[in-house]
Amino acid sequence: MKGSRVSVLLVGLTAALTLAACGIPTSDVIQAGAPASGIQPPSPRPAVPAAIPFYFLRNGELTPYVRKIGAPKGLGAIVGLLFDGPSPSEAVTATTELPRLRGAPEVTNYADNTSSIRLPKDVPALSHLAMLQLACTVAQVTLPGVPLPTGTNGDGGVQTPSDGAQNSTARRSVQVLGDGWTMTQSNDSCPGTQR
């Protein structure tokens, strides 16, 4: 037992002398970082982007333009993005009847497949196409994601699946409340909606 202690001391002394002989200065223990804590649980998986069809107009016809949204914060955020209009790449073929808003719309969902959207003051009544844009987009949104469509039509619009893989199969309606006016629109006339 005594011999092994002496050998350990000799090995340590030899290492210190070797380092000193090589010109490496000795130092005290340096504290850096947290002490070892063992195996950590895996970090949570990053959120999968949601694929949301936004309905805009292409040559005057309702057309879904699918966007991948990183982490949508609910239907209100989606409705706000719809009112912001087509993205620069979508604007090559897409237009909108929805006005730009000066404030965020208030969106409420009800159990009877109805959504209520209260617009900021001084927004005029919406056109029939604008109401369809809202109703069709809201009807297709199920967070956290929507299955990706099968292909594009070549002009930025998206062909939606025809095999019943649509995200929303139920009849839904949107009630829009403006400053002194109210309008309601269902998703009955939406292209690609399966019922």
N, C-alpha and C. Protein backbone atom coordinates (compact mmCIF):
# COMPACT_ATOMS: atom_id res chain seq x y z
N MET A 1 0.82 -1.18 0.00
CA MET A 1 0.00 0.00 0.00
C MET A 1 0.86 1.24 0.00
N LYS A 2 1.93 1.20 0.87
CA LYS A 2 2.82 2.33 0.95
C LYS A 2 3.56 2.53 -0.37
N GLY A 3 3.90 1.41 -1.04
CA GLY A 3 4.62 1.49 -2.30
C GLY A 3 3.79 2.15 -3.39
N SER A 4 2.47 1.91 -3.43
CA SER A 4 1.67 2.51 -4.48
C SER A 4 1.49 4.00 -4.25
N ARG A 5 1.46 4.45 -3.01
CA ARG A 5 1.37 5.89 -2.75
C ARG A 5 2.65 6.58 -3.22
N VAL A 6 3.74 5.94 -2.94
CA VAL A 6 5.03 6.52 -3.34
C VAL A 6 5.10 6.57 -4.86
N SER A 7 4.64 5.51 -5.55
CA SER A 7 4.69 5.52 -7.01
C SER A 7 3.81 6.61 -7.58
N VAL A 8 2.64 6.83 -7.00
CA VAL A 8 1.75 7.88 -7.49
C VAL A 8 2.40 9.24 -7.29
N LEU A 9 2.99 9.46 -6.15
CA LEU A 9 3.67 10.72 -5.90
C LEU A 9 4.83 10.92 -6.87
N LEU A 10 5.58 9.87 -7.15
CA LEU A 10 6.70 9.96 -8.08
C LEU A 10 6.22 10.26 -9.50
N VAL A 11 5.11 9.64 -9.90
CA VAL A 11 4.57 9.90 -11.23
C VAL A 11 4.13 11.36 -11.33
N GLY A 12 3.44 11.87 -10.31
CA GLY A 12 2.99 13.26 -10.31
C GLY A 12 4.16 14.23 -10.32
N LEU A 13 5.20 13.93 -9.52
CA LEU A 13 6.38 14.78 -9.47
C LEU A 13 7.11 14.76 -10.80
N THR A 14 7.22 13.60 -11.41
CA THR A 14 7.87 13.47 -12.71
C THR A 14 7.13 14.28 -13.76
N ALA A 15 5.78 14.21 -13.75
CA ALA A 15 4.98 14.97 -14.73
C ALA A 15 5.19 16.46 -14.53
N ALA A 16 5.19 16.93 -13.30
CA ALA A 16 5.38 18.36 -13.02
C ALA A 16 6.76 18.82 -13.46
N LEU A 17 7.81 18.00 -13.18
CA LEU A 17 9.17 18.36 -13.59
C LEU A 17 9.30 18.36 -15.11
N THR A 18 8.64 17.41 -15.76
CA THR A 18 8.71 17.35 -17.22
C THR A 18 8.07 18.59 -17.82
N LEU A 19 6.91 18.99 -17.31
CA LEU A 19 6.24 20.18 -17.83
C LEU A 19 7.07 21.43 -17.56
N ALA A 20 7.67 21.52 -16.40
CA ALA A 20 8.51 22.68 -16.07
C ALA A 20 9.73 22.70 -16.98
N ALA A 21 10.30 21.54 -17.27
CA ALA A 21 11.48 21.47 -18.13
C ALA A 21 11.14 21.88 -19.55
N CYS A 22 9.93 21.68 -19.97
CA CYS A 22 9.51 22.04 -21.33
C CYS A 22 9.14 23.52 -21.41
N GLY A 23 9.19 24.25 -20.33
CA GLY A 23 8.86 25.67 -20.36
C GLY A 23 7.39 25.94 -20.11
N ILE A 24 6.61 24.95 -19.70
CA ILE A 24 5.19 25.15 -19.42
C ILE A 24 5.05 25.50 -17.96
N PRO A 25 4.54 26.69 -17.66
CA PRO A 25 4.41 27.09 -16.25
C PRO A 25 3.30 26.29 -15.57
N THR A 26 3.48 26.06 -14.30
CA THR A 26 2.46 25.37 -13.53
C THR A 26 1.38 26.36 -13.11
N SER A 27 0.21 25.87 -12.81
CA SER A 27 -0.88 26.75 -12.36
C SER A 27 -1.74 25.99 -11.37
N ASP A 28 -2.60 26.76 -10.68
CA ASP A 28 -3.55 26.17 -9.77
C ASP A 28 -4.74 25.63 -10.58
N VAL A 29 -5.65 25.01 -9.90
CA VAL A 29 -6.85 24.51 -10.56
C VAL A 29 -7.64 25.71 -11.08
N ILE A 30 -8.09 25.63 -12.34
CA ILE A 30 -8.86 26.70 -12.96
C ILE A 30 -10.32 26.28 -13.00
N GLN A 31 -11.19 27.10 -12.41
CA GLN A 31 -12.63 26.82 -12.40
C GLN A 31 -13.24 27.34 -13.69
N ALA A 32 -13.90 26.48 -14.42
CA ALA A 32 -14.57 26.90 -15.66
C ALA A 32 -15.80 26.03 -15.87
N GLY A 33 -16.93 26.67 -16.10
CA GLY A 33 -18.15 25.95 -16.43
C GLY A 33 -18.78 25.27 -15.23
N ALA A 34 -19.89 24.67 -15.49
CA ALA A 34 -20.63 23.95 -14.45
C ALA A 34 -20.04 22.56 -14.29
N PRO A 35 -20.16 22.01 -13.11
CA PRO A 35 -19.64 20.65 -12.91
C PRO A 35 -20.45 19.65 -13.74
N ALA A 36 -19.85 18.54 -14.04
CA ALA A 36 -20.54 17.51 -14.81
C ALA A 36 -21.81 17.09 -14.08
N SER A 37 -22.86 16.91 -14.82
CA SER A 37 -24.14 16.58 -14.18
C SER A 37 -24.77 15.32 -14.74
N GLY A 38 -24.08 14.59 -15.54
CA GLY A 38 -24.64 13.34 -16.06
C GLY A 38 -25.36 13.55 -17.37
N ILE A 39 -26.12 12.56 -17.76
CA ILE A 39 -26.83 12.59 -19.04
C ILE A 39 -28.04 13.51 -18.92
N GLN A 40 -28.17 14.41 -19.88
CA GLN A 40 -29.29 15.34 -19.92
C GLN A 40 -30.41 14.76 -20.77
N PRO A 41 -31.67 15.06 -20.44
CA PRO A 41 -32.76 14.60 -21.28
C PRO A 41 -32.67 15.28 -22.65
N PRO A 42 -33.17 14.63 -23.71
CA PRO A 42 -33.09 15.25 -25.03
C PRO A 42 -33.88 16.55 -25.06
N SER A 43 -33.37 17.50 -25.83
CA SER A 43 -34.09 18.77 -25.95
C SER A 43 -35.36 18.55 -26.77
N PRO A 44 -36.37 19.38 -26.55
CA PRO A 44 -37.63 19.19 -27.28
C PRO A 44 -37.40 19.38 -28.77
N ARG A 45 -38.18 18.65 -29.55
CA ARG A 45 -38.07 18.75 -31.01
C ARG A 45 -38.54 20.13 -31.45
N PRO A 46 -37.87 20.67 -32.47
CA PRO A 46 -38.34 21.96 -32.97
C PRO A 46 -39.72 21.81 -33.61
N ALA A 47 -40.50 22.86 -33.52
CA ALA A 47 -41.85 22.83 -34.07
C ALA A 47 -41.80 22.64 -35.59
N VAL A 48 -42.68 21.78 -36.08
CA VAL A 48 -42.79 21.57 -37.52
C VAL A 48 -43.58 22.73 -38.09
N PRO A 49 -43.08 23.36 -39.16
CA PRO A 49 -43.84 24.47 -39.73
C PRO A 49 -45.22 24.01 -40.19
N ALA A 50 -46.20 24.84 -39.94
CA ALA A 50 -47.56 24.55 -40.40
C ALA A 50 -47.69 25.01 -41.84
N ALA A 51 -48.35 24.24 -42.66
CA ALA A 51 -48.63 24.62 -44.05
C ALA A 51 -50.07 25.12 -44.10
N ILE A 52 -50.24 26.41 -44.32
CA ILE A 52 -51.56 27.04 -44.25
C ILE A 52 -51.93 27.57 -45.63
N PRO A 53 -53.09 27.16 -46.18
CA PRO A 53 -53.54 27.76 -47.44
C PRO A 53 -54.19 29.12 -47.19
N PHE A 54 -53.61 30.16 -47.76
CA PHE A 54 -54.17 31.51 -47.71
C PHE A 54 -54.88 31.73 -49.04
N TYR A 55 -56.15 32.12 -48.97
CA TYR A 55 -56.93 32.31 -50.20
C TYR A 55 -56.80 33.74 -50.68
N PHE A 56 -56.23 33.87 -51.89
CA PHE A 56 -56.13 35.15 -52.58
C PHE A 56 -56.82 35.00 -53.93
N LEU A 57 -56.79 36.03 -54.73
CA LEU A 57 -57.44 35.99 -56.04
C LEU A 57 -56.38 35.88 -57.14
N ARG A 58 -56.62 34.99 -58.05
CA ARG A 58 -55.77 34.85 -59.24
C ARG A 58 -56.69 34.97 -60.44
N ASN A 59 -56.51 36.03 -61.21
CA ASN A 59 -57.41 36.33 -62.34
C ASN A 59 -58.86 36.38 -61.88
N GLY A 60 -59.09 36.94 -60.69
CA GLY A 60 -60.43 37.10 -60.16
C GLY A 60 -61.03 35.86 -59.52
N GLU A 61 -60.30 34.74 -59.51
CA GLU A 61 -60.79 33.49 -58.95
C GLU A 61 -60.10 33.19 -57.62
N LEU A 62 -60.85 32.65 -56.65
CA LEU A 62 -60.25 32.25 -55.37
C LEU A 62 -59.25 31.13 -55.61
N THR A 63 -58.04 31.31 -55.07
CA THR A 63 -56.98 30.32 -55.25
C THR A 63 -56.20 30.21 -53.95
N PRO A 64 -55.97 28.98 -53.47
CA PRO A 64 -55.16 28.82 -52.25
C PRO A 64 -53.68 28.93 -52.56
N TYR A 65 -52.98 29.74 -51.77
CA TYR A 65 -51.52 29.88 -51.83
C TYR A 65 -51.00 29.38 -50.49
N VAL A 66 -50.30 28.26 -50.50
CA VAL A 66 -49.86 27.64 -49.25
C VAL A 66 -48.58 28.30 -48.77
N ARG A 67 -48.59 28.67 -47.50
CA ARG A 67 -47.40 29.23 -46.84
C ARG A 67 -47.01 28.31 -45.70
N LYS A 68 -45.71 28.16 -45.49
CA LYS A 68 -45.22 27.44 -44.32
C LYS A 68 -44.99 28.48 -43.23
N ILE A 69 -45.70 28.32 -42.12
CA ILE A 69 -45.63 29.25 -41.01
C ILE A 69 -44.89 28.56 -39.88
N GLY A 70 -43.80 29.19 -39.38
CA GLY A 70 -42.96 28.59 -38.35
C GLY A 70 -43.70 28.13 -37.12
N ALA A 71 -44.26 29.03 -36.38
CA ALA A 71 -44.98 28.68 -35.15
C ALA A 71 -46.18 29.60 -35.03
N PRO A 72 -47.28 29.29 -35.75
CA PRO A 72 -48.42 30.18 -35.69
C PRO A 72 -48.96 30.31 -34.29
N LYS A 73 -49.32 31.52 -33.90
CA LYS A 73 -49.80 31.81 -32.55
C LYS A 73 -51.32 31.78 -32.47
N GLY A 74 -51.96 31.01 -33.32
CA GLY A 74 -53.40 30.90 -33.28
C GLY A 74 -54.04 31.47 -34.53
N LEU A 75 -55.35 31.31 -34.60
CA LEU A 75 -56.10 31.75 -35.77
C LEU A 75 -56.03 33.26 -35.96
N GLY A 76 -55.96 34.03 -34.88
CA GLY A 76 -55.87 35.48 -35.00
C GLY A 76 -54.63 35.91 -35.77
N ALA A 77 -53.50 35.24 -35.54
CA ALA A 77 -52.27 35.56 -36.27
C ALA A 77 -52.41 35.22 -37.75
N ILE A 78 -53.08 34.11 -38.06
CA ILE A 78 -53.30 33.70 -39.45
C ILE A 78 -54.19 34.72 -40.15
N VAL A 79 -55.27 35.14 -39.50
CA VAL A 79 -56.17 36.14 -40.08
C VAL A 79 -55.42 37.45 -40.31
N GLY A 80 -54.57 37.84 -39.37
CA GLY A 80 -53.77 39.05 -39.54
C GLY A 80 -52.86 38.96 -40.76
N LEU A 81 -52.24 37.79 -40.96
CA LEU A 81 -51.38 37.60 -42.15
C LEU A 81 -52.19 37.66 -43.44
N LEU A 82 -53.42 37.12 -43.41
CA LEU A 82 -54.28 37.18 -44.60
C LEU A 82 -54.60 38.63 -44.95
N PHE A 83 -54.91 39.46 -43.93
CA PHE A 83 -55.19 40.87 -44.18
C PHE A 83 -53.95 41.62 -44.65
N ASP A 84 -52.76 41.12 -44.33
CA ASP A 84 -51.53 41.77 -44.82
C ASP A 84 -51.35 41.61 -46.31
N GLY A 85 -52.08 40.69 -46.92
CA GLY A 85 -52.05 40.52 -48.36
C GLY A 85 -51.01 39.51 -48.83
N PRO A 86 -50.91 39.34 -50.15
CA PRO A 86 -49.96 38.38 -50.70
C PRO A 86 -48.52 38.77 -50.40
N SER A 87 -47.68 37.76 -50.24
CA SER A 87 -46.24 38.00 -50.07
C SER A 87 -45.69 38.49 -51.41
N PRO A 88 -44.47 39.03 -51.42
CA PRO A 88 -43.90 39.49 -52.70
C PRO A 88 -43.89 38.41 -53.78
N SER A 89 -43.57 37.17 -53.41
CA SER A 89 -43.56 36.11 -54.43
C SER A 89 -44.98 35.75 -54.88
N GLU A 90 -45.95 35.79 -53.96
CA GLU A 90 -47.34 35.50 -54.31
C GLU A 90 -47.93 36.63 -55.16
N ALA A 91 -47.50 37.87 -54.91
CA ALA A 91 -48.07 39.03 -55.59
C ALA A 91 -47.82 39.02 -57.09
N VAL A 92 -46.95 38.15 -57.57
CA VAL A 92 -46.73 38.02 -59.01
C VAL A 92 -48.02 37.57 -59.69
N THR A 93 -48.80 36.70 -59.02
CA THR A 93 -50.05 36.22 -59.60
C THR A 93 -51.27 36.47 -58.72
N ALA A 94 -51.07 36.86 -57.45
CA ALA A 94 -52.19 36.98 -56.51
C ALA A 94 -52.52 38.43 -56.20
N THR A 95 -53.82 38.66 -56.00
CA THR A 95 -54.30 39.96 -55.51
C THR A 95 -55.25 39.67 -54.34
N THR A 96 -55.72 40.72 -53.70
CA THR A 96 -56.63 40.54 -52.57
C THR A 96 -57.71 41.62 -52.60
N GLU A 97 -58.86 41.27 -52.08
CA GLU A 97 -59.95 42.23 -51.89
C GLU A 97 -59.98 42.74 -50.46
N LEU A 98 -59.16 42.15 -49.59
CA LEU A 98 -59.16 42.54 -48.18
C LEU A 98 -58.36 43.82 -47.99
N PRO A 99 -58.86 44.75 -47.16
CA PRO A 99 -58.12 45.98 -46.92
C PRO A 99 -56.95 45.76 -45.95
N ARG A 100 -55.97 46.62 -46.01
CA ARG A 100 -54.90 46.61 -44.99
C ARG A 100 -55.49 47.18 -43.71
N LEU A 101 -55.16 46.56 -42.60
CA LEU A 101 -55.70 47.00 -41.31
C LEU A 101 -54.67 47.82 -40.56
N ARG A 102 -55.15 48.80 -39.79
CA ARG A 102 -54.25 49.61 -38.95
C ARG A 102 -54.05 48.99 -37.58
N GLY A 103 -54.83 48.01 -37.25
CA GLY A 103 -54.72 47.32 -35.97
C GLY A 103 -55.02 45.84 -36.17
N ALA A 104 -54.77 45.06 -35.15
CA ALA A 104 -54.99 43.61 -35.24
C ALA A 104 -56.48 43.30 -35.09
N PRO A 105 -56.99 42.37 -35.90
CA PRO A 105 -58.38 41.95 -35.71
C PRO A 105 -58.49 41.05 -34.48
N GLU A 106 -59.66 41.07 -33.85
CA GLU A 106 -59.93 40.19 -32.70
C GLU A 106 -60.67 38.97 -33.22
N VAL A 107 -60.10 37.79 -33.01
CA VAL A 107 -60.69 36.56 -33.54
C VAL A 107 -61.13 35.66 -32.39
N THR A 108 -62.37 35.17 -32.47
CA THR A 108 -62.91 34.26 -31.47
C THR A 108 -63.47 33.05 -32.19
N ASN A 109 -63.14 31.85 -31.70
CA ASN A 109 -63.67 30.60 -32.26
C ASN A 109 -64.75 30.07 -31.33
N TYR A 110 -65.80 29.51 -31.93
CA TYR A 110 -66.89 28.92 -31.17
C TYR A 110 -67.00 27.44 -31.49
N ALA A 111 -67.59 26.67 -30.59
CA ALA A 111 -67.71 25.22 -30.74
C ALA A 111 -68.59 24.81 -31.92
N ASP A 112 -69.44 25.72 -32.41
CA ASP A 112 -70.35 25.37 -33.51
C ASP A 112 -69.73 25.62 -34.89
N ASN A 113 -68.39 25.60 -34.99
CA ASN A 113 -67.67 25.83 -36.25
C ASN A 113 -67.89 27.24 -36.80
N THR A 114 -68.04 28.20 -35.91
CA THR A 114 -68.17 29.60 -36.29
C THR A 114 -66.98 30.37 -35.72
N SER A 115 -66.46 31.29 -36.51
CA SER A 115 -65.41 32.19 -36.05
C SER A 115 -65.93 33.61 -36.18
N SER A 116 -65.63 34.42 -35.19
CA SER A 116 -66.03 35.82 -35.19
C SER A 116 -64.76 36.67 -35.33
N ILE A 117 -64.78 37.61 -36.28
CA ILE A 117 -63.63 38.48 -36.51
C ILE A 117 -64.10 39.92 -36.36
N ARG A 118 -63.61 40.58 -35.32
CA ARG A 118 -63.94 41.99 -35.10
C ARG A 118 -62.81 42.83 -35.66
N LEU A 119 -63.16 43.70 -36.62
CA LEU A 119 -62.16 44.55 -37.28
C LEU A 119 -62.00 45.87 -36.54
N PRO A 120 -60.85 46.51 -36.69
CA PRO A 120 -60.65 47.83 -36.09
C PRO A 120 -61.65 48.84 -36.65
N LYS A 121 -61.77 49.98 -35.99
CA LYS A 121 -62.71 51.03 -36.44
C LYS A 121 -62.33 51.54 -37.83
N ASP A 122 -63.36 52.10 -38.49
CA ASP A 122 -63.23 52.76 -39.78
C ASP A 122 -62.86 51.83 -40.93
N VAL A 123 -63.08 50.52 -40.80
CA VAL A 123 -62.90 49.61 -41.93
C VAL A 123 -64.25 49.49 -42.62
N PRO A 124 -64.32 49.80 -43.93
CA PRO A 124 -65.61 49.71 -44.62
C PRO A 124 -66.05 48.25 -44.76
N ALA A 125 -67.33 48.06 -45.06
CA ALA A 125 -67.87 46.71 -45.27
C ALA A 125 -67.07 46.00 -46.35
N LEU A 126 -66.88 44.70 -46.18
CA LEU A 126 -66.06 43.92 -47.11
C LEU A 126 -66.87 43.46 -48.32
N SER A 127 -66.18 43.27 -49.43
CA SER A 127 -66.83 42.75 -50.63
C SER A 127 -67.12 41.27 -50.47
N HIS A 128 -67.92 40.73 -51.37
CA HIS A 128 -68.25 39.30 -51.34
C HIS A 128 -66.97 38.46 -51.49
N LEU A 129 -66.07 38.85 -52.40
CA LEU A 129 -64.82 38.09 -52.59
C LEU A 129 -63.93 38.17 -51.35
N ALA A 130 -63.89 39.31 -50.69
CA ALA A 130 -63.10 39.44 -49.46
C ALA A 130 -63.65 38.51 -48.38
N MET A 131 -64.97 38.44 -48.27
CA MET A 131 -65.57 37.54 -47.29
C MET A 131 -65.26 36.09 -47.60
N LEU A 132 -65.24 35.74 -48.89
CA LEU A 132 -64.88 34.38 -49.28
C LEU A 132 -63.42 34.08 -48.96
N GLN A 133 -62.54 35.05 -49.17
CA GLN A 133 -61.13 34.87 -48.81
C GLN A 133 -61.01 34.51 -47.33
N LEU A 134 -61.73 35.26 -46.50
CA LEU A 134 -61.70 35.00 -45.05
C LEU A 134 -62.27 33.63 -44.72
N ALA A 135 -63.47 33.35 -45.20
CA ALA A 135 -64.15 32.09 -44.86
C ALA A 135 -63.35 30.89 -45.33
N CYS A 136 -62.80 30.95 -46.53
CA CYS A 136 -62.05 29.81 -47.07
C CYS A 136 -60.74 29.59 -46.33
N THR A 137 -60.05 30.66 -45.99
CA THR A 137 -58.79 30.52 -45.25
C THR A 137 -59.06 29.98 -43.86
N VAL A 138 -60.02 30.56 -43.15
CA VAL A 138 -60.33 30.13 -41.78
C VAL A 138 -60.79 28.67 -41.78
N ALA A 139 -61.56 28.25 -42.78
CA ALA A 139 -62.06 26.87 -42.84
C ALA A 139 -60.94 25.85 -43.00
N GLN A 140 -59.83 26.25 -43.57
CA GLN A 140 -58.74 25.32 -43.83
C GLN A 140 -57.72 25.25 -42.70
N VAL A 141 -57.83 26.13 -41.71
CA VAL A 141 -56.81 26.19 -40.67
C VAL A 141 -57.15 25.26 -39.52
N THR A 142 -56.23 24.35 -39.25
CA THR A 142 -56.25 23.56 -38.03
C THR A 142 -54.83 23.58 -37.52
N LEU A 143 -54.61 24.20 -36.42
CA LEU A 143 -53.26 24.30 -35.88
C LEU A 143 -52.96 23.02 -35.10
N PRO A 144 -51.73 22.53 -35.07
CA PRO A 144 -50.51 23.19 -35.47
C PRO A 144 -50.17 23.10 -36.92
N GLY A 145 -50.84 22.30 -37.75
CA GLY A 145 -50.42 22.24 -39.14
C GLY A 145 -51.51 21.73 -40.05
N VAL A 146 -51.22 21.81 -41.32
CA VAL A 146 -52.11 21.38 -42.36
C VAL A 146 -51.30 20.50 -43.29
N PRO A 147 -51.84 19.37 -43.78
CA PRO A 147 -51.06 18.57 -44.71
C PRO A 147 -50.69 19.39 -45.94
N LEU A 148 -49.48 19.18 -46.42
CA LEU A 148 -49.05 19.90 -47.61
C LEU A 148 -49.86 19.47 -48.81
N PRO A 149 -50.17 20.40 -49.72
CA PRO A 149 -50.90 20.05 -50.92
C PRO A 149 -50.02 19.20 -51.85
N THR A 150 -50.66 18.64 -52.88
CA THR A 150 -49.95 17.70 -53.75
C THR A 150 -49.13 18.37 -54.82
N GLY A 151 -49.41 19.59 -55.22
CA GLY A 151 -48.63 20.21 -56.28
C GLY A 151 -49.03 21.65 -56.50
N THR A 152 -48.38 22.29 -57.46
CA THR A 152 -48.72 23.68 -57.77
C THR A 152 -49.29 23.74 -59.17
N ASN A 153 -49.98 24.82 -59.46
CA ASN A 153 -50.58 24.96 -60.77
C ASN A 153 -49.65 25.67 -61.75
N GLY A 154 -48.41 25.92 -61.35
CA GLY A 154 -47.45 26.54 -62.25
C GLY A 154 -47.36 28.05 -62.12
N ASP A 155 -48.35 28.70 -61.53
CA ASP A 155 -48.34 30.16 -61.40
C ASP A 155 -48.32 30.62 -59.96
N GLY A 156 -47.88 29.76 -59.06
CA GLY A 156 -47.83 30.14 -57.65
C GLY A 156 -49.03 29.66 -56.86
N GLY A 157 -50.15 29.40 -57.54
CA GLY A 157 -51.31 28.86 -56.86
C GLY A 157 -51.07 27.39 -56.57
N VAL A 158 -51.85 26.83 -55.69
CA VAL A 158 -51.63 25.45 -55.28
C VAL A 158 -52.84 24.62 -55.62
N GLN A 159 -52.59 23.44 -56.20
CA GLN A 159 -53.66 22.48 -56.42
C GLN A 159 -53.85 21.73 -55.12
N THR A 160 -55.05 21.77 -54.59
CA THR A 160 -55.30 21.09 -53.33
C THR A 160 -55.65 19.63 -53.61
N PRO A 161 -55.37 18.73 -52.66
CA PRO A 161 -55.65 17.32 -52.89
C PRO A 161 -57.14 17.09 -53.12
N SER A 162 -57.47 16.17 -54.01
CA SER A 162 -58.87 15.88 -54.29
C SER A 162 -59.29 14.56 -53.68
N ASP A 163 -58.41 13.90 -52.93
CA ASP A 163 -58.72 12.59 -52.38
C ASP A 163 -59.32 12.65 -50.99
N GLY A 164 -59.87 13.79 -50.59
CA GLY A 164 -60.46 13.91 -49.27
C GLY A 164 -59.45 14.25 -48.20
N ALA A 165 -58.20 14.58 -48.58
CA ALA A 165 -57.16 14.88 -47.61
C ALA A 165 -57.21 16.32 -47.15
N GLN A 166 -58.26 17.05 -47.51
CA GLN A 166 -58.38 18.42 -47.04
C GLN A 166 -58.44 18.44 -45.54
N ASN A 167 -57.96 19.50 -44.98
CA ASN A 167 -57.90 19.61 -43.53
C ASN A 167 -59.27 19.83 -42.91
N SER A 168 -60.15 20.53 -43.59
CA SER A 168 -61.45 20.86 -43.02
C SER A 168 -62.54 20.26 -43.87
N THR A 169 -63.35 19.39 -43.30
CA THR A 169 -64.44 18.80 -44.04
C THR A 169 -65.79 19.30 -43.54
N ALA A 170 -65.82 19.99 -42.44
CA ALA A 170 -67.07 20.47 -41.86
C ALA A 170 -67.44 21.83 -42.43
N ARG A 171 -68.73 22.11 -42.40
CA ARG A 171 -69.19 23.44 -42.81
C ARG A 171 -68.81 24.42 -41.72
N ARG A 172 -68.13 25.49 -42.11
CA ARG A 172 -67.72 26.51 -41.16
C ARG A 172 -68.18 27.86 -41.67
N SER A 173 -68.36 28.79 -40.77
CA SER A 173 -68.73 30.14 -41.18
C SER A 173 -67.95 31.17 -40.38
N VAL A 174 -67.84 32.34 -41.00
CA VAL A 174 -67.11 33.46 -40.41
C VAL A 174 -68.08 34.64 -40.31
N GLN A 175 -68.13 35.22 -39.13
CA GLN A 175 -68.91 36.44 -38.94
C GLN A 175 -67.92 37.57 -38.74
N VAL A 176 -68.02 38.59 -39.60
CA VAL A 176 -67.13 39.75 -39.52
C VAL A 176 -67.91 40.93 -38.96
N LEU A 177 -67.36 41.53 -37.91
CA LEU A 177 -68.01 42.67 -37.25
C LEU A 177 -67.18 43.91 -37.52
N GLY A 178 -67.79 44.86 -38.20
CA GLY A 178 -67.11 46.12 -38.48
C GLY A 178 -67.71 47.24 -37.66
N ASP A 179 -67.36 48.45 -38.02
CA ASP A 179 -67.85 49.64 -37.33
C ASP A 179 -69.23 49.98 -37.88
N GLY A 180 -70.29 49.41 -37.27
CA GLY A 180 -71.65 49.66 -37.70
C GLY A 180 -72.17 48.67 -38.73
N TRP A 181 -71.45 47.60 -39.01
CA TRP A 181 -71.91 46.59 -39.96
C TRP A 181 -71.45 45.19 -39.54
N THR A 182 -72.20 44.18 -39.99
CA THR A 182 -71.89 42.78 -39.71
C THR A 182 -72.17 41.98 -40.97
N MET A 183 -71.27 41.03 -41.28
CA MET A 183 -71.44 40.16 -42.44
C MET A 183 -71.08 38.74 -42.03
N THR A 184 -71.74 37.76 -42.64
CA THR A 184 -71.46 36.36 -42.37
C THR A 184 -71.26 35.63 -43.68
N GLN A 185 -70.28 34.73 -43.71
CA GLN A 185 -69.99 33.95 -44.91
C GLN A 185 -69.60 32.53 -44.51
N SER A 186 -70.14 31.53 -45.21
CA SER A 186 -69.75 30.14 -44.95
C SER A 186 -68.69 29.72 -45.97
N ASN A 187 -68.13 28.54 -45.76
CA ASN A 187 -67.12 28.02 -46.67
C ASN A 187 -67.72 27.15 -47.77
N ASP A 188 -69.04 27.24 -47.98
CA ASP A 188 -69.71 26.42 -48.99
C ASP A 188 -69.16 26.63 -50.40
N SER A 189 -68.74 27.83 -50.73
CA SER A 189 -68.29 28.15 -52.09
C SER A 189 -66.78 28.09 -52.27
N CYS A 190 -66.08 27.52 -51.31
CA CYS A 190 -64.62 27.49 -51.39
C CYS A 190 -64.13 26.42 -52.35
N PRO A 191 -63.18 26.76 -53.22
CA PRO A 191 -62.64 25.73 -54.11
C PRO A 191 -61.86 24.68 -53.31
N GLY A 192 -62.09 23.43 -53.65
CA GLY A 192 -61.34 22.36 -53.03
C GLY A 192 -61.88 21.89 -51.71
N THR A 193 -62.93 22.51 -51.15
CA THR A 193 -63.46 22.09 -49.85
C THR A 193 -64.28 20.82 -50.03
N GLN A 194 -63.94 19.79 -49.29
CA GLN A 194 -64.66 18.51 -49.36
C GLN A 194 -65.68 18.44 -48.23
N ARG A 195 -66.91 18.05 -48.52
CA ARG A 195 -67.92 17.86 -47.48
C ARG A 195 -68.59 16.53 -47.69
